[in-house]
Amino acid sequence: LAVDDGSRDATPAVLAAMRRDWPQLRVIRLRRNSGHQNALTAGLHR
């Protein structure tokens, strides 16, 4: 579970490309930067 913590660079595009040939990869994108611990929380809940 890659939790994108509101990245402002090309991170979302890189993750989308990685998902195409890595079926075990899940991408969770947060609407805004919420901090490292809250990103961990989002991943643990899911």
ModelCIF file with pLDDT and N, C-alpha, C, O atoms, coordinates in Angstrom:
data_MODEL
#
_entry.id   MODEL 
#
_entity.id                         1 
_entity.type                       polymer 
_entity.pdbx_number_of_molecules   1 
#
_entity_poly.entity_id                      1 
_entity_poly.type                           'polypeptide(L)' 
_entity_poly.nstd_linkage                   no 
_entity_poly.nstd_monomer                   no 
_entity_poly.pdbx_seq_one_letter_code       LAVDDGSRDATPAVLAAMRRDWPQLRVIRLRRNSGHQNALTAGLHR 
_entity_poly.pdbx_seq_one_letter_code_can   LAVDDGSRDATPAVLAAMRRDWPQLRVIRLRRNSGHQNALTAGLHR 
_entity_poly.pdbx_strand_id                 A 
#
loop_
_entity_poly_seq.entity_id 
_entity_poly_seq.num 
_entity_poly_seq.mon_id 
_entity_poly_seq.hetero 
1 1  LEU n 
1 2  ALA n 
1 3  VAL n 
1 4  ASP n 
1 5  ASP n 
1 6  GLY n 
1 7  SER n 
1 8  ARG n 
1 9  ASP n 
1 10 ALA n 
1 11 THR n 
1 12 PRO n 
1 13 ALA n 
1 14 VAL n 
1 15 LEU n 
1 16 ALA n 
1 17 ALA n 
1 18 MET n 
1 19 ARG n 
1 20 ARG n 
1 21 ASP n 
1 22 TRP n 
1 23 PRO n 
1 24 GLN n 
1 25 LEU n 
1 26 ARG n 
1 27 VAL n 
1 28 ILE n 
1 29 ARG n 
1 30 LEU n 
1 31 ARG n 
1 32 ARG n 
1 33 ASN n 
1 34 SER n 
1 35 GLY n 
1 36 HIS n 
1 37 GLN n 
1 38 ASN n 
1 39 ALA n 
1 40 LEU n 
1 41 THR n 
1 42 ALA n 
1 43 GLY n 
1 44 LEU n 
1 45 HIS n 
1 46 ARG n 
#
_struct_asym.id          A 
_struct_asym.entity_id   1 
#
loop_
_ma_qa_metric.id 
_ma_qa_metric.mode 
_ma_qa_metric.name 
_ma_qa_metric.software_group_id 
_ma_qa_metric.type 
1 global pLDDT . pLDDT 
2 local  pLDDT . pLDDT 
#
_ma_qa_metric_global.metric_id      1 
_ma_qa_metric_global.metric_value   92.78 
_ma_qa_metric_global.model_id       1 
_ma_qa_metric_global.ordinal_id     1 
#
loop_
_ma_qa_metric_local.label_asym_id 
_ma_qa_metric_local.label_comp_id 
_ma_qa_metric_local.label_seq_id 
_ma_qa_metric_local.metric_id 
_ma_qa_metric_local.metric_value 
_ma_qa_metric_local.model_id 
_ma_qa_metric_local.ordinal_id 
A LEU 1  2 96.00 1 1  
A ALA 2  2 96.00 1 2  
A VAL 3  2 96.00 1 3  
A ASP 4  2 95.00 1 4  
A ASP 5  2 92.00 1 5  
A GLY 6  2 91.00 1 6  
A SER 7  2 92.00 1 7  
A ARG 8  2 91.00 1 8  
A ASP 9  2 91.00 1 9  
A ALA 10 2 92.00 1 10 
A THR 11 2 93.00 1 11 
A PRO 12 2 93.00 1 12 
A ALA 13 2 94.00 1 13 
A VAL 14 2 94.00 1 14 
A LEU 15 2 95.00 1 15 
A ALA 16 2 94.00 1 16 
A ALA 17 2 94.00 1 17 
A MET 18 2 94.00 1 18 
A ARG 19 2 93.00 1 19 
A ARG 20 2 92.00 1 20 
A ASP 21 2 92.00 1 21 
A TRP 22 2 94.00 1 22 
A PRO 23 2 93.00 1 23 
A GLN 24 2 94.00 1 24 
A LEU 25 2 96.00 1 25 
A ARG 26 2 95.00 1 26 
A VAL 27 2 95.00 1 27 
A ILE 28 2 94.00 1 28 
A ARG 29 2 94.00 1 29 
A LEU 30 2 94.00 1 30 
A ARG 31 2 89.00 1 31 
A ARG 32 2 89.00 1 32 
A ASN 33 2 89.00 1 33 
A SER 34 2 87.00 1 34 
A GLY 35 2 87.00 1 35 
A HIS 36 2 89.00 1 36 
A GLN 37 2 89.00 1 37 
A ASN 38 2 90.00 1 38 
A ALA 39 2 92.00 1 39 
A LEU 40 2 94.00 1 40 
A THR 41 2 93.00 1 41 
A ALA 42 2 93.00 1 42 
A GLY 43 2 95.00 1 43 
A LEU 44 2 95.00 1 44 
A HIS 45 2 94.00 1 45 
A ARG 46 2 94.00 1 46 
#
loop_
_atom_site.group_PDB 
_atom_site.id 
_atom_site.type_symbol 
_atom_site.label_atom_id 
_atom_site.label_alt_id 
_atom_site.label_comp_id 
_atom_site.label_asym_id 
_atom_site.label_entity_id 
_atom_site.label_seq_id 
_atom_site.pdbx_PDB_ins_code 
_atom_site.Cartn_x 
_atom_site.Cartn_y 
_atom_site.Cartn_z 
_atom_site.occupancy 
_atom_site.B_iso_or_equiv 
_atom_site.pdbx_formal_charge 
_atom_site.auth_seq_id 
_atom_site.auth_comp_id 
_atom_site.auth_asym_id 
_atom_site.auth_atom_id 
_atom_site.pdbx_PDB_model_num 
ATOM 1   N N  . LEU A 1 1  ? 0.850  -1.187 0.000   1.00 96.00 ? 1  LEU A N  1 
ATOM 2   C CA . LEU A 1 1  ? 0.000  0.000  0.000   1.00 96.00 ? 1  LEU A CA 1 
ATOM 3   C C  . LEU A 1 1  ? 0.882  1.232  0.000   1.00 96.00 ? 1  LEU A C  1 
ATOM 4   O O  . LEU A 1 1  ? 1.464  1.582  1.027   1.00 96.00 ? 1  LEU A O  1 
ATOM 5   N N  . ALA A 1 2  ? 0.986  1.892  -1.140  1.00 96.00 ? 2  ALA A N  1 
ATOM 6   C CA . ALA A 1 2  ? 1.737  3.133  -1.250  1.00 96.00 ? 2  ALA A CA 1 
ATOM 7   C C  . ALA A 1 2  ? 0.781  4.291  -0.960  1.00 96.00 ? 2  ALA A C  1 
ATOM 8   O O  . ALA A 1 2  ? -0.142 4.547  -1.734  1.00 96.00 ? 2  ALA A O  1 
ATOM 9   N N  . VAL A 1 3  ? 1.002  4.978  0.141   1.00 96.00 ? 3  VAL A N  1 
ATOM 10  C CA . VAL A 1 3  ? 0.129  6.085  0.549   1.00 96.00 ? 3  VAL A CA 1 
ATOM 11  C C  . VAL A 1 3  ? 0.766  7.383  0.094   1.00 96.00 ? 3  VAL A C  1 
ATOM 12  O O  . VAL A 1 3  ? 1.726  7.854  0.704   1.00 96.00 ? 3  VAL A O  1 
ATOM 13  N N  . ASP A 1 4  ? 0.236  7.966  -0.980  1.00 95.00 ? 4  ASP A N  1 
ATOM 14  C CA . ASP A 1 4  ? 0.751  9.223  -1.520  1.00 95.00 ? 4  ASP A CA 1 
ATOM 15  C C  . ASP A 1 4  ? 0.213  10.370 -0.667  1.00 95.00 ? 4  ASP A C  1 
ATOM 16  O O  . ASP A 1 4  ? -0.971 10.702 -0.727  1.00 95.00 ? 4  ASP A O  1 
ATOM 17  N N  . ASP A 1 5  ? 1.098  10.966 0.122   1.00 92.00 ? 5  ASP A N  1 
ATOM 18  C CA . ASP A 1 5  ? 0.701  11.981 1.099   1.00 92.00 ? 5  ASP A CA 1 
ATOM 19  C C  . ASP A 1 5  ? 0.646  13.367 0.457   1.00 92.00 ? 5  ASP A C  1 
ATOM 20  O O  . ASP A 1 5  ? 1.338  14.288 0.890   1.00 92.00 ? 5  ASP A O  1 
ATOM 21  N N  . GLY A 1 6  ? -0.182 13.506 -0.577  1.00 91.00 ? 6  GLY A N  1 
ATOM 22  C CA . GLY A 1 6  ? -0.366 14.804 -1.217  1.00 91.00 ? 6  GLY A CA 1 
ATOM 23  C C  . GLY A 1 6  ? 0.852  15.284 -1.972  1.00 91.00 ? 6  GLY A C  1 
ATOM 24  O O  . GLY A 1 6  ? 1.179  16.469 -1.916  1.00 91.00 ? 6  GLY A O  1 
ATOM 25  N N  . SER A 1 7  ? 1.535  14.394 -2.680  1.00 92.00 ? 7  SER A N  1 
ATOM 26  C CA . SER A 1 7  ? 2.752  14.771 -3.414  1.00 92.00 ? 7  SER A CA 1 
ATOM 27  C C  . SER A 1 7  ? 2.453  15.816 -4.479  1.00 92.00 ? 7  SER A C  1 
ATOM 28  O O  . SER A 1 7  ? 1.382  15.825 -5.086  1.00 92.00 ? 7  SER A O  1 
ATOM 29  N N  . ARG A 1 8  ? 3.430  16.700 -4.691  1.00 91.00 ? 8  ARG A N  1 
ATOM 30  C CA . ARG A 1 8  ? 3.267  17.776 -5.678  1.00 91.00 ? 8  ARG A CA 1 
ATOM 31  C C  . ARG A 1 8  ? 4.207  17.612 -6.875  1.00 91.00 ? 8  ARG A C  1 
ATOM 32  O O  . ARG A 1 8  ? 4.267  18.483 -7.743  1.00 91.00 ? 8  ARG A O  1 
ATOM 33  N N  . ASP A 1 9  ? 4.940  16.495 -6.921  1.00 91.00 ? 9  ASP A N  1 
ATOM 34  C CA . ASP A 1 9  ? 5.799  16.246 -8.066  1.00 91.00 ? 9  ASP A CA 1 
ATOM 35  C C  . ASP A 1 9  ? 5.180  15.145 -8.921  1.00 91.00 ? 9  ASP A C  1 
ATOM 36  O O  . ASP A 1 9  ? 3.957  15.006 -8.949  1.00 91.00 ? 9  ASP A O  1 
ATOM 37  N N  . ALA A 1 10 ? 5.995  14.369 -9.611  1.00 92.00 ? 10 ALA A N  1 
ATOM 38  C CA . ALA A 1 10 ? 5.488  13.333 -10.505 1.00 92.00 ? 10 ALA A CA 1 
ATOM 39  C C  . ALA A 1 10 ? 5.224  12.007 -9.788  1.00 92.00 ? 10 ALA A C  1 
ATOM 40  O O  . ALA A 1 10 ? 5.040  10.983 -10.446 1.00 92.00 ? 10 ALA A O  1 
ATOM 41  N N  . THR A 1 11 ? 5.201  12.007 -8.463  1.00 93.00 ? 11 THR A N  1 
ATOM 42  C CA . THR A 1 11 ? 4.980  10.770 -7.708  1.00 93.00 ? 11 THR A CA 1 
ATOM 43  C C  . THR A 1 11 ? 3.693  10.056 -8.114  1.00 93.00 ? 11 THR A C  1 
ATOM 44  O O  . THR A 1 11 ? 3.737  8.843  -8.316  1.00 93.00 ? 11 THR A O  1 
ATOM 45  N N  . PRO A 1 12 ? 2.533  10.740 -8.248  1.00 93.00 ? 12 PRO A N  1 
ATOM 46  C CA . PRO A 1 12 ? 1.314  10.019 -8.655  1.00 93.00 ? 12 PRO A CA 1 
ATOM 47  C C  . PRO A 1 12 ? 1.460  9.326  -10.005 1.00 93.00 ? 12 PRO A C  1 
ATOM 48  O O  . PRO A 1 12 ? 0.978  8.206  -10.174 1.00 93.00 ? 12 PRO A O  1 
ATOM 49  N N  . ALA A 1 13 ? 2.114  9.969  -10.969 1.00 94.00 ? 13 ALA A N  1 
ATOM 50  C CA . ALA A 1 13 ? 2.306  9.347  -12.279 1.00 94.00 ? 13 ALA A CA 1 
ATOM 51  C C  . ALA A 1 13 ? 3.222  8.139  -12.188 1.00 94.00 ? 13 ALA A C  1 
ATOM 52  O O  . ALA A 1 13 ? 2.978  7.126  -12.844 1.00 94.00 ? 13 ALA A O  1 
ATOM 53  N N  . VAL A 1 14 ? 4.278  8.234  -11.378 1.00 94.00 ? 14 VAL A N  1 
ATOM 54  C CA . VAL A 1 14 ? 5.198  7.104  -11.215 1.00 94.00 ? 14 VAL A CA 1 
ATOM 55  C C  . VAL A 1 14 ? 4.475  5.929  -10.580 1.00 94.00 ? 14 VAL A C  1 
ATOM 56  O O  . VAL A 1 14 ? 4.655  4.789  -11.008 1.00 94.00 ? 14 VAL A O  1 
ATOM 57  N N  . LEU A 1 15 ? 3.658  6.190  -9.564  1.00 95.00 ? 15 LEU A N  1 
ATOM 58  C CA . LEU A 1 15 ? 2.905  5.119  -8.915  1.00 95.00 ? 15 LEU A CA 1 
ATOM 59  C C  . LEU A 1 15 ? 1.910  4.476  -9.883  1.00 95.00 ? 15 LEU A C  1 
ATOM 60  O O  . LEU A 1 15 ? 1.738  3.257  -9.883  1.00 95.00 ? 15 LEU A O  1 
ATOM 61  N N  . ALA A 1 16 ? 1.256  5.300  -10.707 1.00 94.00 ? 16 ALA A N  1 
ATOM 62  C CA . ALA A 1 16 ? 0.311  4.754  -11.684 1.00 94.00 ? 16 ALA A CA 1 
ATOM 63  C C  . ALA A 1 16 ? 1.021  3.847  -12.678 1.00 94.00 ? 16 ALA A C  1 
ATOM 64  O O  . ALA A 1 16 ? 0.490  2.803  -13.056 1.00 94.00 ? 16 ALA A O  1 
ATOM 65  N N  . ALA A 1 17 ? 2.223  4.241  -13.105 1.00 94.00 ? 17 ALA A N  1 
ATOM 66  C CA . ALA A 1 17 ? 2.984  3.403  -14.026 1.00 94.00 ? 17 ALA A CA 1 
ATOM 67  C C  . ALA A 1 17 ? 3.420  2.107  -13.357 1.00 94.00 ? 17 ALA A C  1 
ATOM 68  O O  . ALA A 1 17 ? 3.414  1.054  -13.995 1.00 94.00 ? 17 ALA A O  1 
ATOM 69  N N  . MET A 1 18 ? 3.792  2.164  -12.099 1.00 94.00 ? 18 MET A N  1 
ATOM 70  C CA . MET A 1 18 ? 4.216  0.968  -11.380 1.00 94.00 ? 18 MET A CA 1 
ATOM 71  C C  . MET A 1 18 ? 3.068  -0.018 -11.199 1.00 94.00 ? 18 MET A C  1 
ATOM 72  O O  . MET A 1 18 ? 3.276  -1.231 -11.204 1.00 94.00 ? 18 MET A O  1 
ATOM 73  N N  . ARG A 1 19 ? 1.869  0.503  -11.040 1.00 93.00 ? 19 ARG A N  1 
ATOM 74  C CA . ARG A 1 19 ? 0.707  -0.368 -10.829 1.00 93.00 ? 19 ARG A CA 1 
ATOM 75  C C  . ARG A 1 19 ? 0.396  -1.226 -12.052 1.00 93.00 ? 19 ARG A C  1 
ATOM 76  O O  . ARG A 1 19 ? -0.159 -2.317 -11.919 1.00 93.00 ? 19 ARG A O  1 
ATOM 77  N N  . ARG A 1 20 ? 0.743  -0.748 -13.222 1.00 92.00 ? 20 ARG A N  1 
ATOM 78  C CA . ARG A 1 20 ? 0.377  -1.454 -14.445 1.00 92.00 ? 20 ARG A CA 1 
ATOM 79  C C  . ARG A 1 20 ? 1.056  -2.821 -14.553 1.00 92.00 ? 20 ARG A C  1 
ATOM 80  O O  . ARG A 1 20 ? 0.497  -3.745 -15.144 1.00 92.00 ? 20 ARG A O  1 
ATOM 81  N N  . ASP A 1 21 ? 2.257  -2.952 -13.985 1.00 92.00 ? 21 ASP A N  1 
ATOM 82  C CA . ASP A 1 21 ? 2.931  -4.253 -14.064 1.00 92.00 ? 21 ASP A CA 1 
ATOM 83  C C  . ASP A 1 21 ? 3.256  -4.829 -12.685 1.00 92.00 ? 21 ASP A C  1 
ATOM 84  O O  . ASP A 1 21 ? 4.076  -5.739 -12.561 1.00 92.00 ? 21 ASP A O  1 
ATOM 85  N N  . TRP A 1 22 ? 2.613  -4.297 -11.665 1.00 94.00 ? 22 TRP A N  1 
ATOM 86  C CA . TRP A 1 22 ? 2.794  -4.839 -10.317 1.00 94.00 ? 22 TRP A CA 1 
ATOM 87  C C  . TRP A 1 22 ? 1.405  -4.973 -9.685  1.00 94.00 ? 22 TRP A C  1 
ATOM 88  O O  . TRP A 1 22 ? 0.953  -4.051 -9.006  1.00 94.00 ? 22 TRP A O  1 
ATOM 89  N N  . PRO A 1 23 ? 0.726  -6.093 -9.892  1.00 93.00 ? 23 PRO A N  1 
ATOM 90  C CA . PRO A 1 23 ? -0.664 -6.236 -9.445  1.00 93.00 ? 23 PRO A CA 1 
ATOM 91  C C  . PRO A 1 23 ? -0.831 -6.165 -7.933  1.00 93.00 ? 23 PRO A C  1 
ATOM 92  O O  . PRO A 1 23 ? -1.920 -5.848 -7.455  1.00 93.00 ? 23 PRO A O  1 
ATOM 93  N N  . GLN A 1 24 ? 0.215  -6.449 -7.172  1.00 94.00 ? 24 GLN A N  1 
ATOM 94  C CA . GLN A 1 24 ? 0.103  -6.406 -5.707  1.00 94.00 ? 24 GLN A CA 1 
ATOM 95  C C  . GLN A 1 24 ? 0.189  -4.992 -5.146  1.00 94.00 ? 24 GLN A C  1 
ATOM 96  O O  . GLN A 1 24 ? 0.000  -4.783 -3.947  1.00 94.00 ? 24 GLN A O  1 
ATOM 97  N N  . LEU A 1 25 ? 0.475  -4.025 -6.009  1.00 96.00 ? 25 LEU A N  1 
ATOM 98  C CA . LEU A 1 25 ? 0.608  -2.647 -5.547  1.00 96.00 ? 25 LEU A CA 1 
ATOM 99  C C  . LEU A 1 25 ? -0.749 -1.960 -5.501  1.00 96.00 ? 25 LEU A C  1 
ATOM 100 O O  . LEU A 1 25 ? -1.483 -1.948 -6.489  1.00 96.00 ? 25 LEU A O  1 
ATOM 101 N N  . ARG A 1 26 ? -1.075 -1.391 -4.354  1.00 95.00 ? 26 ARG A N  1 
ATOM 102 C CA . ARG A 1 26 ? -2.257 -0.545 -4.201  1.00 95.00 ? 26 ARG A CA 1 
ATOM 103 C C  . ARG A 1 26 ? -1.797 0.883  -3.937  1.00 95.00 ? 26 ARG A C  1 
ATOM 104 O O  . ARG A 1 26 ? -0.808 1.105  -3.238  1.00 95.00 ? 26 ARG A O  1 
ATOM 105 N N  . VAL A 1 27 ? -2.510 1.835  -4.493  1.00 95.00 ? 27 VAL A N  1 
ATOM 106 C CA . VAL A 1 27 ? -2.157 3.244  -4.323  1.00 95.00 ? 27 VAL A CA 1 
ATOM 107 C C  . VAL A 1 27 ? -3.289 3.950  -3.592  1.00 95.00 ? 27 VAL A C  1 
ATOM 108 O O  . VAL A 1 27 ? -4.443 3.903  -4.018  1.00 95.00 ? 27 VAL A O  1 
ATOM 109 N N  . ILE A 1 28 ? -2.953 4.594  -2.502  1.00 94.00 ? 28 ILE A N  1 
ATOM 110 C CA . ILE A 1 28 ? -3.905 5.420  -1.749  1.00 94.00 ? 28 ILE A CA 1 
ATOM 111 C C  . ILE A 1 28 ? -3.396 6.848  -1.810  1.00 94.00 ? 28 ILE A C  1 
ATOM 112 O O  . ILE A 1 28 ? -2.281 7.135  -1.373  1.00 94.00 ? 28 ILE A O  1 
ATOM 113 N N  . ARG A 1 29 ? -4.201 7.734  -2.345  1.00 94.00 ? 29 ARG A N  1 
ATOM 114 C CA . ARG A 1 29 ? -3.762 9.112  -2.535  1.00 94.00 ? 29 ARG A CA 1 
ATOM 115 C C  . ARG A 1 29 ? -4.540 10.028 -1.594  1.00 94.00 ? 29 ARG A C  1 
ATOM 116 O O  . ARG A 1 29 ? -5.770 10.062 -1.630  1.00 94.00 ? 29 ARG A O  1 
ATOM 117 N N  . LEU A 1 30 ? -3.827 10.762 -0.758  1.00 94.00 ? 30 LEU A N  1 
ATOM 118 C CA . LEU A 1 30 ? -4.451 11.725 0.143   1.00 94.00 ? 30 LEU A CA 1 
ATOM 119 C C  . LEU A 1 30 ? -4.594 13.062 -0.566  1.00 94.00 ? 30 LEU A C  1 
ATOM 120 O O  . LEU A 1 30 ? -3.720 13.470 -1.331  1.00 94.00 ? 30 LEU A O  1 
ATOM 121 N N  . ARG A 1 31 ? -5.692 13.730 -0.306  1.00 89.00 ? 31 ARG A N  1 
ATOM 122 C CA . ARG A 1 31 ? -5.988 14.970 -1.023  1.00 89.00 ? 31 ARG A CA 1 
ATOM 123 C C  . ARG A 1 31 ? -4.987 16.071 -0.703  1.00 89.00 ? 31 ARG A C  1 
ATOM 124 O O  . ARG A 1 31 ? -4.704 16.914 -1.555  1.00 89.00 ? 31 ARG A O  1 
ATOM 125 N N  . ARG A 1 32 ? -4.451 16.075 0.506   1.00 89.00 ? 32 ARG A N  1 
ATOM 126 C CA . ARG A 1 32 ? -3.480 17.092 0.902   1.00 89.00 ? 32 ARG A CA 1 
ATOM 127 C C  . ARG A 1 32 ? -2.398 16.435 1.733   1.00 89.00 ? 32 ARG A C  1 
ATOM 128 O O  . ARG A 1 32 ? -2.555 15.305 2.196   1.00 89.00 ? 32 ARG A O  1 
ATOM 129 N N  . ASN A 1 33 ? -1.307 17.143 1.916   1.00 89.00 ? 33 ASN A N  1 
ATOM 130 C CA . ASN A 1 33 ? -0.231 16.625 2.748   1.00 89.00 ? 33 ASN A CA 1 
ATOM 131 C C  . ASN A 1 33 ? -0.679 16.618 4.203   1.00 89.00 ? 33 ASN A C  1 
ATOM 132 O O  . ASN A 1 33 ? -0.921 17.672 4.792   1.00 89.00 ? 33 ASN A O  1 
ATOM 133 N N  . SER A 1 34 ? -0.787 15.421 4.777   1.00 87.00 ? 34 SER A N  1 
ATOM 134 C CA . SER A 1 34 ? -1.304 15.274 6.136   1.00 87.00 ? 34 SER A CA 1 
ATOM 135 C C  . SER A 1 34 ? -0.243 14.856 7.138   1.00 87.00 ? 34 SER A C  1 
ATOM 136 O O  . SER A 1 34 ? -0.527 14.772 8.333   1.00 87.00 ? 34 SER A O  1 
ATOM 137 N N  . GLY A 1 35 ? 0.963  14.595 6.682   1.00 87.00 ? 35 GLY A N  1 
ATOM 138 C CA . GLY A 1 35 ? 2.021  14.207 7.600   1.00 87.00 ? 35 GLY A CA 1 
ATOM 139 C C  . GLY A 1 35 ? 2.285  12.708 7.575   1.00 87.00 ? 35 GLY A C  1 
ATOM 140 O O  . GLY A 1 35 ? 1.413  11.908 7.234   1.00 87.00 ? 35 GLY A O  1 
ATOM 141 N N  . HIS A 1 36 ? 3.502  12.352 7.941   1.00 89.00 ? 36 HIS A N  1 
ATOM 142 C CA . HIS A 1 36 ? 3.952  10.968 7.874   1.00 89.00 ? 36 HIS A CA 1 
ATOM 143 C C  . HIS A 1 36 ? 3.105  10.034 8.735   1.00 89.00 ? 36 HIS A C  1 
ATOM 144 O O  . HIS A 1 36 ? 2.721  8.955  8.285   1.00 89.00 ? 36 HIS A O  1 
ATOM 145 N N  . GLN A 1 37 ? 2.813  10.444 9.970   1.00 89.00 ? 37 GLN A N  1 
ATOM 146 C CA . GLN A 1 37 ? 2.063  9.566  10.866  1.00 89.00 ? 37 GLN A CA 1 
ATOM 147 C C  . GLN A 1 37 ? 0.626  9.371  10.388  1.00 89.00 ? 37 GLN A C  1 
ATOM 148 O O  . GLN A 1 37 ? 0.081  8.275  10.518  1.00 89.00 ? 37 GLN A O  1 
ATOM 149 N N  . ASN A 1 38 ? 0.012  10.399 9.845   1.00 90.00 ? 38 ASN A N  1 
ATOM 150 C CA . ASN A 1 38 ? -1.345 10.256 9.328   1.00 90.00 ? 38 ASN A CA 1 
ATOM 151 C C  . ASN A 1 38 ? -1.371 9.424  8.046   1.00 90.00 ? 38 ASN A C  1 
ATOM 152 O O  . ASN A 1 38 ? -2.340 8.709  7.789   1.00 90.00 ? 38 ASN A O  1 
ATOM 153 N N  . ALA A 1 39 ? -0.315 9.514  7.245   1.00 92.00 ? 39 ALA A N  1 
ATOM 154 C CA . ALA A 1 39 ? -0.220 8.640  6.078   1.00 92.00 ? 39 ALA A CA 1 
ATOM 155 C C  . ALA A 1 39 ? -0.118 7.183  6.511   1.00 92.00 ? 39 ALA A C  1 
ATOM 156 O O  . ALA A 1 39 ? -0.715 6.303  5.892   1.00 92.00 ? 39 ALA A O  1 
ATOM 157 N N  . LEU A 1 40 ? 0.639  6.931  7.574   1.00 94.00 ? 40 LEU A N  1 
ATOM 158 C CA . LEU A 1 40 ? 0.686  5.584  8.131   1.00 94.00 ? 40 LEU A CA 1 
ATOM 159 C C  . LEU A 1 40 ? -0.692 5.137  8.602   1.00 94.00 ? 40 LEU A C  1 
ATOM 160 O O  . LEU A 1 40 ? -1.074 3.984  8.406   1.00 94.00 ? 40 LEU A O  1 
ATOM 161 N N  . THR A 1 41 ? -1.433 6.042  9.219   1.00 93.00 ? 41 THR A N  1 
ATOM 162 C CA . THR A 1 41 ? -2.779 5.722  9.685   1.00 93.00 ? 41 THR A CA 1 
ATOM 163 C C  . THR A 1 41 ? -3.673 5.310  8.527   1.00 93.00 ? 41 THR A C  1 
ATOM 164 O O  . THR A 1 41 ? -4.410 4.329  8.624   1.00 93.00 ? 41 THR A O  1 
ATOM 165 N N  . ALA A 1 42 ? -3.609 6.058  7.428   1.00 93.00 ? 42 ALA A N  1 
ATOM 166 C CA . ALA A 1 42 ? -4.413 5.717  6.255   1.00 93.00 ? 42 ALA A CA 1 
ATOM 167 C C  . ALA A 1 42 ? -4.074 4.329  5.749   1.00 93.00 ? 42 ALA A C  1 
ATOM 168 O O  . ALA A 1 42 ? -4.967 3.574  5.367   1.00 93.00 ? 42 ALA A O  1 
ATOM 169 N N  . GLY A 1 43 ? -2.793 3.982  5.742   1.00 95.00 ? 43 GLY A N  1 
ATOM 170 C CA . GLY A 1 43 ? -2.399 2.661  5.282   1.00 95.00 ? 43 GLY A CA 1 
ATOM 171 C C  . GLY A 1 43 ? -2.814 1.561  6.233   1.00 95.00 ? 43 GLY A C  1 
ATOM 172 O O  . GLY A 1 43 ? -3.273 0.507  5.793   1.00 95.00 ? 43 GLY A O  1 
ATOM 173 N N  . LEU A 1 44 ? -2.663 1.784  7.537   1.00 95.00 ? 44 LEU A N  1 
ATOM 174 C CA . LEU A 1 44 ? -3.039 0.766  8.517   1.00 95.00 ? 44 LEU A CA 1 
ATOM 175 C C  . LEU A 1 44 ? -4.532 0.480  8.472   1.00 95.00 ? 44 LEU A C  1 
ATOM 176 O O  . LEU A 1 44 ? -4.946 -0.671 8.614   1.00 95.00 ? 44 LEU A O  1 
ATOM 177 N N  . HIS A 1 45 ? -5.343 1.513  8.278   1.00 94.00 ? 45 HIS A N  1 
ATOM 178 C CA . HIS A 1 45 ? -6.792 1.319  8.218   1.00 94.00 ? 45 HIS A CA 1 
ATOM 179 C C  . HIS A 1 45 ? -7.203 0.494  7.006   1.00 94.00 ? 45 HIS A C  1 
ATOM 180 O O  . HIS A 1 45 ? -8.243 -0.164 7.031   1.00 94.00 ? 45 HIS A O  1 
ATOM 181 N N  . ARG A 1 46 ? -6.408 0.519  5.958   1.00 94.00 ? 46 ARG A N  1 
ATOM 182 C CA . ARG A 1 46 ? -6.788 -0.154 4.719   1.00 94.00 ? 46 ARG A CA 1 
ATOM 183 C C  . ARG A 1 46 ? -5.991 -1.429 4.439   1.00 94.00 ? 46 ARG A C  1 
ATOM 184 O O  . ARG A 1 46 ? -6.218 -2.088 3.424   1.00 94.00 ? 46 ARG A O  1 
#
